């Protein structure tokens, strides 16, 4: 066990089930938690939805579009900064 595991943890959690006439739907999320004295930070993201029809429970993954867009913006920024730095280096 690393000393960092005292302060950082990953957790998967299931939410409250939602009942309909035919199905029971239960959301699942993943949390990254930083916890040190006087400071607590938690970052959550959707992971999946469990759909139960009474016979079979099926796990349906959730595509987190916000995270994909954020990664695209950060990647574009890194590429732009690298290109500007390389252009400035040639002068």
C-alpha atoms as a PDB file:
ATOM      1  CA  UNK A   1       0.000   0.000   0.000  1.00  0.00           C
ATOM      2  CA  UNK A   2       1.476   3.336  -1.041  1.00  0.00           C
ATOM      3  CA  UNK A   3       1.588   6.356   1.278  1.00  0.00           C
ATOM      4  CA  UNK A   4      -0.470   8.265  -1.300  1.00  0.00           C
ATOM      5  CA  UNK A   5      -3.417   5.866  -0.925  1.00  0.00           C
ATOM      6  CA  UNK A   6      -4.132   7.454   2.446  1.00  0.00           C
ATOM      7  CA  UNK A   7      -5.089  10.684   0.634  1.00  0.00           C
ATOM      8  CA  UNK A   8      -6.318   9.558  -2.810  1.00  0.00           C
ATOM      9  CA  UNK A   9      -8.949   6.947  -3.644  1.00  0.00           C
ATOM     10  CA  UNK A  10     -11.095   5.720  -6.554  1.00  0.00           C
ATOM     11  CA  UNK A  11     -14.617   4.593  -5.739  1.00  0.00           C
ATOM     12  CA  UNK A  12     -17.380   3.085  -7.861  1.00  0.00           C
ATOM     13  CA  UNK A  13     -20.868   3.661  -6.495  1.00  0.00           C
ATOM     14  CA  UNK A  14     -24.347   2.702  -7.507  1.00  0.00           C
ATOM     15  CA  UNK A  15     -27.076   5.282  -7.126  1.00  0.00           C
ATOM     16  CA  UNK A  16     -30.677   4.838  -6.059  1.00  0.00           C
ATOM     17  CA  UNK A  17     -32.654   2.520  -8.346  1.00  0.00           C
ATOM     18  CA  UNK A  18     -35.434   4.002 -10.456  1.00  0.00           C
ATOM     19  CA  UNK A  19     -38.440   1.719 -10.900  1.00  0.00           C
ATOM     20  CA  UNK A  20     -40.759   1.678 -13.921  1.00  0.00           C
ATOM     21  CA  UNK A  21     -43.472  -0.749 -15.008  1.00  0.00           C
ATOM     22  CA  UNK A  22     -41.066  -3.083 -16.816  1.00  0.00           C
ATOM     23  CA  UNK A  23     -37.553  -2.107 -15.753  1.00  0.00           C
ATOM     24  CA  UNK A  24     -35.390  -1.136 -12.821  1.00  0.00           C
ATOM     25  CA  UNK A  25     -32.642   1.328 -13.784  1.00  0.00           C
ATOM     26  CA  UNK A  26     -29.675   1.918 -11.479  1.00  0.00           C
ATOM     27  CA  UNK A  27     -26.951   4.495 -12.309  1.00  0.00           C
ATOM     28  CA  UNK A  28     -23.286   3.898 -11.488  1.00  0.00           C
ATOM     29  CA  UNK A  29     -20.641   6.596 -11.053  1.00  0.00           C
ATOM     30  CA  UNK A  30     -16.917   6.693 -10.444  1.00  0.00           C
ATOM     31  CA  UNK A  31     -15.314   9.135  -8.020  1.00  0.00           C
ATOM     32  CA  UNK A  32     -11.736  10.281  -7.621  1.00  0.00           C
ATOM     33  CA  UNK A  33     -11.357  11.609  -4.087  1.00  0.00           C
ATOM     34  CA  UNK A  34      -8.490  13.713  -2.665  1.00  0.00           C
ATOM     35  CA  UNK A  35      -8.711  14.104   1.090  1.00  0.00           C
ATOM     36  CA  UNK A  36      -6.115  15.886   3.214  1.00  0.00           C
ATOM     37  CA  UNK A  37      -6.538  17.838   6.446  1.00  0.00           C
ATOM     38  CA  UNK A  38      -8.664  20.954   5.825  1.00  0.00           C
ATOM     39  CA  UNK A  39      -9.219  20.102   2.146  1.00  0.00           C
ATOM     40  CA  UNK A  40     -11.475  17.643   0.336  1.00  0.00           C
ATOM     41  CA  UNK A  41     -11.931  17.378  -3.435  1.00  0.00           C
ATOM     42  CA  UNK A  42     -14.154  14.917  -5.269  1.00  0.00           C
ATOM     43  CA  UNK A  43     -14.457  14.495  -9.041  1.00  0.00           C
ATOM     44  CA  UNK A  44     -17.346  12.346 -10.260  1.00  0.00           C
ATOM     45  CA  UNK A  45     -18.181  10.945 -13.668  1.00  0.00           C
ATOM     46  CA  UNK A  46     -20.930   8.683 -14.978  1.00  0.00           C
ATOM     47  CA  UNK A  47     -19.825   5.150 -15.822  1.00  0.00           C
ATOM     48  CA  UNK A  48     -22.820   2.945 -16.543  1.00  0.00           C
ATOM     49  CA  UNK A  49     -26.490   2.244 -16.080  1.00  0.00           C
ATOM     50  CA  UNK A  50     -27.766  -1.141 -14.942  1.00  0.00           C
ATOM     51  CA  UNK A  51     -31.069  -2.151 -16.521  1.00  0.00           C
ATOM     52  CA  UNK A  52     -32.956  -5.044 -14.910  1.00  0.00           C
ATOM     53  CA  UNK A  53     -36.090  -6.450 -16.550  1.00  0.00           C
ATOM     54  CA  UNK A  54     -36.736  -9.045 -13.837  1.00  0.00           C
ATOM     55  CA  UNK A  55     -34.904 -11.815 -15.703  1.00  0.00           C
ATOM     56  CA  UNK A  56     -31.585 -10.341 -16.790  1.00  0.00           C
ATOM     57  CA  UNK A  57     -29.551  -7.411 -15.474  1.00  0.00           C
ATOM     58  CA  UNK A  58     -27.626  -5.656 -18.251  1.00  0.00           C
ATOM     59  CA  UNK A  59     -24.863  -3.084 -17.812  1.00  0.00           C
ATOM     60  CA  UNK A  60     -24.978  -0.273 -20.376  1.00  0.00           C
ATOM     61  CA  UNK A  61     -21.877   1.953 -20.511  1.00  0.00           C
ATOM     62  CA  UNK A  62     -22.386   5.719 -20.539  1.00  0.00           C
ATOM     63  CA  UNK A  63     -20.284   7.807 -22.909  1.00  0.00           C
ATOM     64  CA  UNK A  64     -19.218  10.932 -21.002  1.00  0.00           C
ATOM     65  CA  UNK A  65     -19.312  13.523 -23.803  1.00  0.00           C
ATOM     66  CA  UNK A  66     -18.219  16.370 -21.515  1.00  0.00           C
ATOM     67  CA  UNK A  67     -14.995  14.562 -20.630  1.00  0.00           C
ATOM     68  CA  UNK A  68     -14.275  13.822 -24.303  1.00  0.00           C
ATOM     69  CA  UNK A  69     -14.746  17.516 -25.188  1.00  0.00           C
ATOM     70  CA  UNK A  70     -12.525  18.619 -22.283  1.00  0.00           C
ATOM     71  CA  UNK A  71      -9.739  16.250 -23.350  1.00  0.00           C
ATOM     72  CA  UNK A  72     -10.044  17.561 -26.926  1.00  0.00           C
ATOM     73  CA  UNK A  73      -9.728  21.170 -25.785  1.00  0.00           C
ATOM     74  CA  UNK A  74      -6.685  20.417 -23.613  1.00  0.00           C
ATOM     75  CA  UNK A  75      -5.058  18.434 -26.452  1.00  0.00           C
ATOM     76  CA  UNK A  76      -5.672  21.268 -28.951  1.00  0.00           C
ATOM     77  CA  UNK A  77      -4.116  23.724 -26.486  1.00  0.00           C
ATOM     78  CA  UNK A  78      -1.003  21.574 -26.054  1.00  0.00           C
ATOM     79  CA  UNK A  79      -0.605  21.191 -29.830  1.00  0.00           C
ATOM     80  CA  UNK A  80      -1.044  24.958 -30.341  1.00  0.00           C
ATOM     81  CA  UNK A  81       1.481  25.851 -27.627  1.00  0.00           C
ATOM     82  CA  UNK A  82       3.986  23.383 -29.039  1.00  0.00           C
ATOM     83  CA  UNK A  83       3.560  24.776 -32.578  1.00  0.00           C
ATOM     84  CA  UNK A  84       3.972  28.385 -31.375  1.00  0.00           C
ATOM     85  CA  UNK A  85       7.034  27.431 -29.333  1.00  0.00           C
ATOM     86  CA  UNK A  86       8.617  25.623 -32.315  1.00  0.00           C
ATOM     87  CA  UNK A  87       7.919  28.590 -34.631  1.00  0.00           C
ATOM     88  CA  UNK A  88       9.472  31.011 -32.136  1.00  0.00           C
ATOM     89  CA  UNK A  89      12.519  28.816 -31.689  1.00  0.00           C
ATOM     90  CA  UNK A  90      13.449  29.149 -35.393  1.00  0.00           C
ATOM     91  CA  UNK A  91      13.928  32.949 -35.198  1.00  0.00           C
END
